[in-house]
Amino acid sequence: MDLKSSKVAVTGGAGFLGSFVVEKLKKRGCKNVFVPRKSDYDLVEKEACKRLYKDFNPDVVIHLAARVGGIGANRENPGSFFYENLMMGVQLMEEGRLHGLKKFVALGTICAYPKFTPVPFKEENLWNGYPEDTNAPYGLAKKMLLVQSQSYRQQYGFNSIYLLPVNLYGPKDNFDPASSHVIPALIKKCFDAIKESAPSITVWGTGRATREFLYVEDAAEGIVLATERYEKSDPVNLGAGFEISIKDLVTLIVRLTGFKGEIIWDASKPDGQPRRCLDVSRAAQEFGFKAGTGFEEGLKKTIDWYREFVIGL
């Protein structure tokens, strides 16, 4: 797909991941990029989805807008996380079909995978069980976009693709402790403790769970490559192809931030899914994507950004 001559709407384009996707599109010479703002287009509402297509008349929609958060936010808002994510995606794709859209790019989530998926997670294992309980409503809402994508291609010949990114991190992430994911939450905890001369920080869980993380600029590149080159409804993982325990992650962030105190593990809080690590071979084969940022390098960039732009050091 020639993105230079296409009109591309990026929902969530002003957000964490979306801002990097928009930047990648513009670097490729895409001059017609539209970023709908929630204040103008509440995509949970059907009429707002219709109006988006009428106002901008896009050729391509990259759907990144989502209601997201860490384990705590998912546990507190299972109903709204399910409803809002489902309605946004389902209505945008349906209105895109009616509009005659050339391509729809749907973003799923690693939370769609079954709780005890064999590691590394392969796309063909996506339906072999129920997701981890703490974020299942969110994961299942996003998973329905895969069902819609595949059924619409079968019945209508609708060109849509479905990508499964692993946990993202990087500059401009959400550092609000009420809704942030593990990396920004830990970075903020360490700097807050340094500022307050606190003797310790408390971390959720046991530290035994493992996670894989993808630097946000790498994720944006993968999404744009798939938009350009991928034309199937088979789901595709987007990841870096490694796993690290939460205990080792905390040790690394503590070292990089300079926090010298004690780490207290609150085992009364959930670990979430026991292990997460993706098989990333399909993305490499289908559209040539491979993550290019080393994990410690990406963490340093994220911490430097937080230090400069959030706390002003």
Protein backbone atom coordinates (compact mmCIF):
# COMPACT_ATOMS: atom_id res chain seq x y z
CA MET A 1 0.00 0.00 0.00
CA ASP A 2 1.30 3.43 -0.97
CA LEU A 3 0.87 5.50 2.16
CA LYS A 4 2.21 8.69 0.58
CA SER A 5 -0.91 9.08 -1.53
CA SER A 6 -3.35 7.72 1.08
CA LYS A 7 -5.51 9.55 3.60
CA VAL A 8 -4.78 7.88 6.93
CA ALA A 9 -6.82 8.29 10.11
CA VAL A 10 -5.01 7.27 13.30
CA THR A 11 -7.35 6.88 16.26
CA GLY A 12 -5.43 7.46 19.45
CA GLY A 13 -2.88 9.33 17.34
CA ALA A 14 -2.30 11.92 20.06
CA GLY A 15 -1.54 9.23 22.63
CA PHE A 16 1.56 7.35 23.70
CA LEU A 17 1.91 4.86 20.82
CA GLY A 18 -0.13 6.91 18.36
CA SER A 19 2.17 9.93 18.42
CA PHE A 20 5.07 7.73 17.28
CA VAL A 21 2.94 6.08 14.57
CA VAL A 22 1.96 9.51 13.22
CA GLU A 23 5.62 10.55 13.23
CA LYS A 24 6.60 7.39 11.28
CA LEU A 25 3.84 8.01 8.72
CA LYS A 26 4.98 11.58 8.14
CA LYS A 27 8.60 10.47 7.74
CA ARG A 28 7.40 8.15 4.96
CA GLY A 29 5.89 11.13 3.15
CA CYS A 30 2.28 10.62 4.17
CA LYS A 31 0.84 14.14 4.01
CA ASN A 32 -2.81 13.38 4.84
CA VAL A 33 -2.86 12.12 8.42
CA PHE A 34 -5.92 12.76 10.54
CA VAL A 35 -5.91 12.38 14.33
CA PRO A 36 -9.45 12.43 15.75
CA ARG A 37 -9.57 13.79 19.31
CA LYS A 38 -11.89 12.26 21.88
CA SER A 39 -13.43 15.66 22.62
CA ASP A 40 -14.62 15.80 18.99
CA TYR A 41 -15.12 12.08 18.24
CA ASP A 42 -16.09 9.84 21.16
CA LEU A 43 -15.67 6.58 19.25
CA VAL A 44 -17.70 4.61 21.78
CA GLU A 45 -20.67 6.37 20.15
CA LYS A 46 -21.79 5.10 16.73
CA GLU A 47 -22.62 8.55 15.39
CA ALA A 48 -19.11 9.77 16.15
CA CYS A 49 -17.65 6.86 14.13
CA LYS A 50 -19.93 7.73 11.21
CA ARG A 51 -18.94 11.38 11.44
CA LEU A 52 -15.23 10.51 11.39
CA TYR A 53 -15.62 8.80 8.00
CA LYS A 54 -17.81 11.59 6.66
CA ASP A 55 -15.51 14.41 7.81
CA PHE A 56 -12.15 12.98 6.73
CA ASN A 57 -13.03 10.33 4.10
CA PRO A 58 -10.00 8.15 4.93
CA ASP A 59 -8.47 5.41 2.77
CA VAL A 60 -6.85 3.74 5.79
CA VAL A 61 -7.75 3.60 9.48
CA ILE A 62 -5.11 2.60 12.05
CA HIS A 63 -7.13 1.96 15.20
CA LEU A 64 -4.96 2.57 18.27
CA ALA A 65 -7.48 4.28 20.56
CA ALA A 66 -8.17 2.16 23.64
CA ARG A 67 -9.15 2.29 27.30
CA VAL A 68 -6.07 0.76 28.93
CA GLY A 69 -4.30 0.40 32.26
CA GLY A 70 -2.30 -1.88 34.49
CA ILE A 71 -3.56 -4.73 36.68
CA GLY A 72 -5.14 -2.38 39.24
CA ALA A 73 -7.06 -0.36 36.65
CA ASN A 74 -8.26 -3.55 34.93
CA ARG A 75 -9.52 -5.00 38.22
CA GLU A 76 -11.39 -1.81 39.11
CA ASN A 77 -12.95 -1.20 35.67
CA PRO A 78 -13.67 -4.57 34.00
CA GLY A 79 -17.05 -3.52 32.65
CA SER A 80 -16.02 -0.19 31.15
CA PHE A 81 -12.77 -1.65 29.79
CA PHE A 82 -14.78 -4.36 28.02
CA TYR A 83 -17.58 -2.15 26.72
CA GLU A 84 -15.57 0.85 25.55
CA ASN A 85 -12.86 -1.15 23.78
CA LEU A 86 -15.40 -3.45 22.12
CA MET A 87 -17.69 -0.68 20.92
CA MET A 88 -14.89 1.51 19.55
CA GLY A 89 -13.39 -1.27 17.46
CA VAL A 90 -16.56 -2.98 16.28
CA GLN A 91 -18.26 0.24 15.18
CA LEU A 92 -15.19 1.70 13.51
CA MET A 93 -14.68 -1.45 11.46
CA GLU A 94 -18.35 -1.74 10.49
CA GLU A 95 -18.57 1.92 9.45
CA GLY A 96 -15.29 1.46 7.56
CA ARG A 97 -16.80 -1.45 5.64
CA LEU A 98 -19.87 0.63 4.77
CA HIS A 99 -17.62 3.53 3.80
CA GLY A 100 -15.56 1.42 1.36
CA LEU A 101 -12.33 1.75 3.34
CA LYS A 102 -9.22 0.38 1.60
CA LYS A 103 -7.60 -0.96 4.79
CA PHE A 104 -8.33 -1.25 8.50
CA VAL A 105 -5.49 -1.92 10.95
CA ALA A 106 -6.74 -3.30 14.28
CA LEU A 107 -4.52 -3.50 17.35
CA GLY A 108 -5.15 -6.38 19.69
CA THR A 109 -3.29 -7.05 22.91
CA ILE A 110 -1.11 -9.71 24.49
CA CYS A 111 -3.83 -9.84 27.18
CA ALA A 112 -5.94 -11.78 24.63
CA TYR A 113 -3.73 -14.85 25.02
CA PRO A 114 -4.78 -17.71 27.37
CA LYS A 115 -3.39 -17.52 30.90
CA PHE A 116 -1.19 -20.61 30.50
CA THR A 117 -0.06 -20.23 26.89
CA PRO A 118 3.15 -22.18 26.13
CA VAL A 119 6.17 -19.85 25.85
CA PRO A 120 6.95 -18.35 23.41
CA PHE A 121 3.36 -17.42 22.54
CA LYS A 122 2.50 -18.47 18.97
CA GLU A 123 -0.43 -16.91 17.15
CA GLU A 124 -2.05 -20.33 16.62
CA ASN A 125 -2.39 -20.72 20.42
CA LEU A 126 -4.59 -17.65 20.77
CA TRP A 127 -7.82 -19.63 21.23
CA ASN A 128 -6.50 -22.43 23.48
CA GLY A 129 -7.96 -21.17 26.78
CA TYR A 130 -9.31 -18.22 28.76
CA PRO A 131 -7.17 -15.10 29.33
CA GLU A 132 -5.63 -14.22 32.70
CA ASP A 133 -8.51 -13.15 34.98
CA THR A 134 -7.30 -9.68 35.97
CA ASN A 135 -7.41 -8.35 32.40
CA ALA A 136 -9.66 -10.85 30.60
CA PRO A 137 -12.52 -8.39 29.86
CA TYR A 138 -10.10 -6.01 28.12
CA GLY A 139 -8.30 -8.86 26.33
CA LEU A 140 -11.52 -10.44 25.10
CA ALA A 141 -12.95 -7.13 23.87
CA LYS A 142 -9.85 -6.60 21.74
CA LYS A 143 -9.87 -10.25 20.64
CA MET A 144 -13.31 -9.79 19.10
CA LEU A 145 -11.74 -7.46 16.56
CA LEU A 146 -9.86 -10.47 15.19
CA VAL A 147 -13.14 -12.36 14.80
CA GLN A 148 -14.67 -9.34 13.08
CA SER A 149 -11.63 -8.85 10.83
CA GLN A 150 -11.60 -12.46 9.67
CA SER A 151 -15.37 -12.76 9.20
CA TYR A 152 -15.54 -9.47 7.31
CA ARG A 153 -12.76 -10.55 4.96
CA GLN A 154 -14.58 -13.85 4.37
CA GLN A 155 -18.03 -12.37 3.74
CA TYR A 156 -17.31 -8.91 2.34
CA GLY A 157 -13.71 -9.06 1.10
CA PHE A 158 -12.93 -6.31 3.62
CA ASN A 159 -9.19 -5.62 3.90
CA SER A 160 -8.30 -5.62 7.57
CA ILE A 161 -5.32 -6.84 9.57
CA TYR A 162 -4.87 -7.65 13.26
CA LEU A 163 -1.68 -7.07 15.25
CA LEU A 164 -0.85 -8.31 18.76
CA PRO A 165 1.69 -6.04 20.46
CA VAL A 166 3.41 -7.07 23.67
CA ASN A 167 3.70 -4.64 26.61
CA LEU A 168 5.02 -1.29 25.37
CA TYR A 169 7.26 1.23 27.11
CA GLY A 170 9.16 4.39 26.24
CA PRO A 171 9.13 8.20 26.35
CA LYS A 172 5.68 9.82 26.74
CA ASP A 173 4.28 6.75 28.50
CA ASN A 174 1.52 7.07 31.11
CA PHE A 175 3.10 7.62 34.53
CA ASP A 176 -0.17 8.03 36.47
CA PRO A 177 0.04 5.42 39.30
CA ALA A 178 -3.72 4.82 39.11
CA SER A 179 -3.57 3.50 35.55
CA SER A 180 0.07 3.02 34.48
CA HIS A 181 1.75 -0.23 33.49
CA VAL A 182 4.68 -1.76 35.31
CA ILE A 183 7.68 0.08 33.80
CA PRO A 184 6.42 3.68 34.16
CA ALA A 185 4.97 2.81 37.59
CA LEU A 186 8.36 1.55 38.78
CA ILE A 187 10.26 4.52 37.34
CA LYS A 188 7.94 6.95 39.12
CA LYS A 189 8.18 4.99 42.39
CA CYS A 190 11.97 5.12 42.31
CA PHE A 191 12.19 8.85 41.58
CA ASP A 192 9.49 9.66 44.16
CA ALA A 193 11.42 7.66 46.76
CA ILE A 194 14.68 9.44 45.87
CA LYS A 195 12.98 12.84 46.13
CA GLU A 196 11.41 12.00 49.51
CA SER A 197 14.49 10.14 50.84
CA ALA A 198 12.25 7.13 51.42
CA PRO A 199 14.04 4.02 52.71
CA SER A 200 12.06 1.58 50.53
CA ILE A 201 9.61 1.07 47.68
CA THR A 202 6.80 -1.50 47.62
CA VAL A 203 6.22 -3.55 44.48
CA TRP A 204 3.15 -5.66 43.66
CA GLY A 205 3.39 -9.45 43.54
CA THR A 206 6.22 -11.90 44.09
CA GLY A 207 8.55 -10.83 41.27
CA ARG A 208 8.43 -14.33 39.75
CA ALA A 209 6.19 -13.47 36.78
CA THR A 210 7.96 -12.76 33.50
CA ARG A 211 7.20 -10.17 30.85
CA GLU A 212 8.37 -9.11 27.42
CA PHE A 213 8.59 -5.43 26.53
CA LEU A 214 8.71 -3.62 23.19
CA TYR A 215 10.10 -0.10 22.83
CA VAL A 216 7.38 2.22 21.58
CA GLU A 217 9.28 3.45 18.49
CA ASP A 218 9.88 -0.16 17.43
CA ALA A 219 6.16 -0.90 17.87
CA ALA A 220 5.27 2.12 15.73
CA GLU A 221 7.62 0.93 12.99
CA GLY A 222 6.05 -2.54 13.09
CA ILE A 223 2.55 -1.10 12.76
CA VAL A 224 3.48 1.08 9.79
CA LEU A 225 5.34 -1.77 8.07
CA ALA A 226 2.28 -4.00 8.49
CA THR A 227 0.04 -1.24 7.13
CA GLU A 228 2.25 -0.99 4.05
CA ARG A 229 2.97 -4.67 3.43
CA TYR A 230 0.61 -7.08 5.19
CA GLU A 231 -2.67 -8.16 3.56
CA LYS A 232 -3.98 -11.13 5.54
CA SER A 233 -6.36 -11.55 8.48
CA ASP A 234 -4.13 -14.01 10.33
CA PRO A 235 -3.06 -12.38 13.63
CA VAL A 236 0.56 -11.26 13.94
CA ASN A 237 2.59 -10.80 17.14
CA LEU A 238 4.64 -7.64 17.55
CA GLY A 239 7.38 -8.07 20.12
CA ALA A 240 11.07 -8.08 20.88
CA GLY A 241 11.41 -11.84 21.44
CA PHE A 242 12.78 -11.94 25.01
CA GLU A 243 11.42 -12.30 28.56
CA ILE A 244 12.56 -10.88 31.87
CA SER A 245 11.28 -11.58 35.38
CA ILE A 246 9.63 -8.72 37.25
CA LYS A 247 12.28 -9.18 39.96
CA ASP A 248 15.09 -8.63 37.43
CA LEU A 249 13.16 -5.73 35.88
CA VAL A 250 12.89 -4.00 39.25
CA THR A 251 16.60 -4.55 39.93
CA LEU A 252 17.46 -2.99 36.55
CA ILE A 253 15.20 0.05 36.98
CA VAL A 254 16.48 0.61 40.53
CA ARG A 255 20.05 0.64 39.21
CA LEU A 256 19.29 2.94 36.25
CA THR A 257 17.32 5.46 38.35
CA GLY A 258 19.87 5.48 41.18
CA PHE A 259 17.48 4.45 43.96
CA LYS A 260 19.49 2.96 46.87
CA GLY A 261 16.75 1.76 49.21
CA GLU A 262 15.04 -1.53 49.95
CA ILE A 263 12.54 -3.31 47.69
CA ILE A 264 9.51 -4.70 49.54
CA TRP A 265 7.39 -7.28 47.69
CA ASP A 266 3.65 -7.23 48.42
CA ALA A 267 2.71 -10.84 47.70
CA SER A 268 -0.94 -10.11 48.57
CA LYS A 269 -1.20 -8.35 45.21
CA PRO A 270 -1.55 -10.41 41.98
CA ASP A 271 1.32 -11.23 39.66
CA GLY A 272 -1.00 -11.35 36.63
CA GLN A 273 -0.18 -13.78 33.84
CA PRO A 274 2.68 -16.11 34.97
CA ARG A 275 4.82 -15.71 31.82
CA ARG A 276 4.74 -13.59 28.67
CA CYS A 277 7.05 -13.92 25.70
CA LEU A 278 6.07 -13.86 22.04
CA ASP A 279 7.15 -15.85 19.02
CA VAL A 280 7.93 -12.97 16.66
CA SER A 281 8.84 -14.99 13.56
CA ARG A 282 5.61 -14.30 11.64
CA ALA A 283 6.13 -10.52 11.68
CA ALA A 284 9.66 -10.98 10.34
CA GLN A 285 8.48 -13.33 7.58
CA GLU A 286 5.37 -11.44 6.52
CA PHE A 287 6.50 -7.81 6.59
CA GLY A 288 10.15 -7.73 7.67
CA PHE A 289 9.72 -6.42 11.20
CA LYS A 290 12.34 -6.95 13.87
CA ALA A 291 12.74 -4.86 17.02
CA GLY A 292 15.86 -2.73 16.90
CA THR A 293 16.17 -1.24 20.41
CA GLY A 294 17.97 -3.14 23.16
CA PHE A 295 16.03 -3.33 26.42
CA GLU A 296 18.50 -1.51 28.65
CA GLU A 297 18.99 1.13 25.94
CA GLY A 298 15.22 1.66 25.75
CA LEU A 299 14.91 1.88 29.52
CA LYS A 300 17.67 4.49 29.67
CA LYS A 301 15.88 6.59 27.03
CA THR A 302 12.61 6.31 28.95
CA ILE A 303 14.20 7.22 32.29
CA ASP A 304 16.09 10.15 30.71
CA TRP A 305 12.84 11.45 29.20
CA TYR A 306 11.03 11.17 32.54
CA ARG A 307 13.89 12.87 34.37
CA GLU A 308 13.94 15.80 31.90
CA PHE A 309 10.30 16.32 30.95
CA VAL A 310 8.36 15.17 34.03
CA ILE A 311 10.50 16.05 37.02
CA GLY A 312 12.71 18.64 35.29
CA LEU A 313 16.15 17.41 36.28
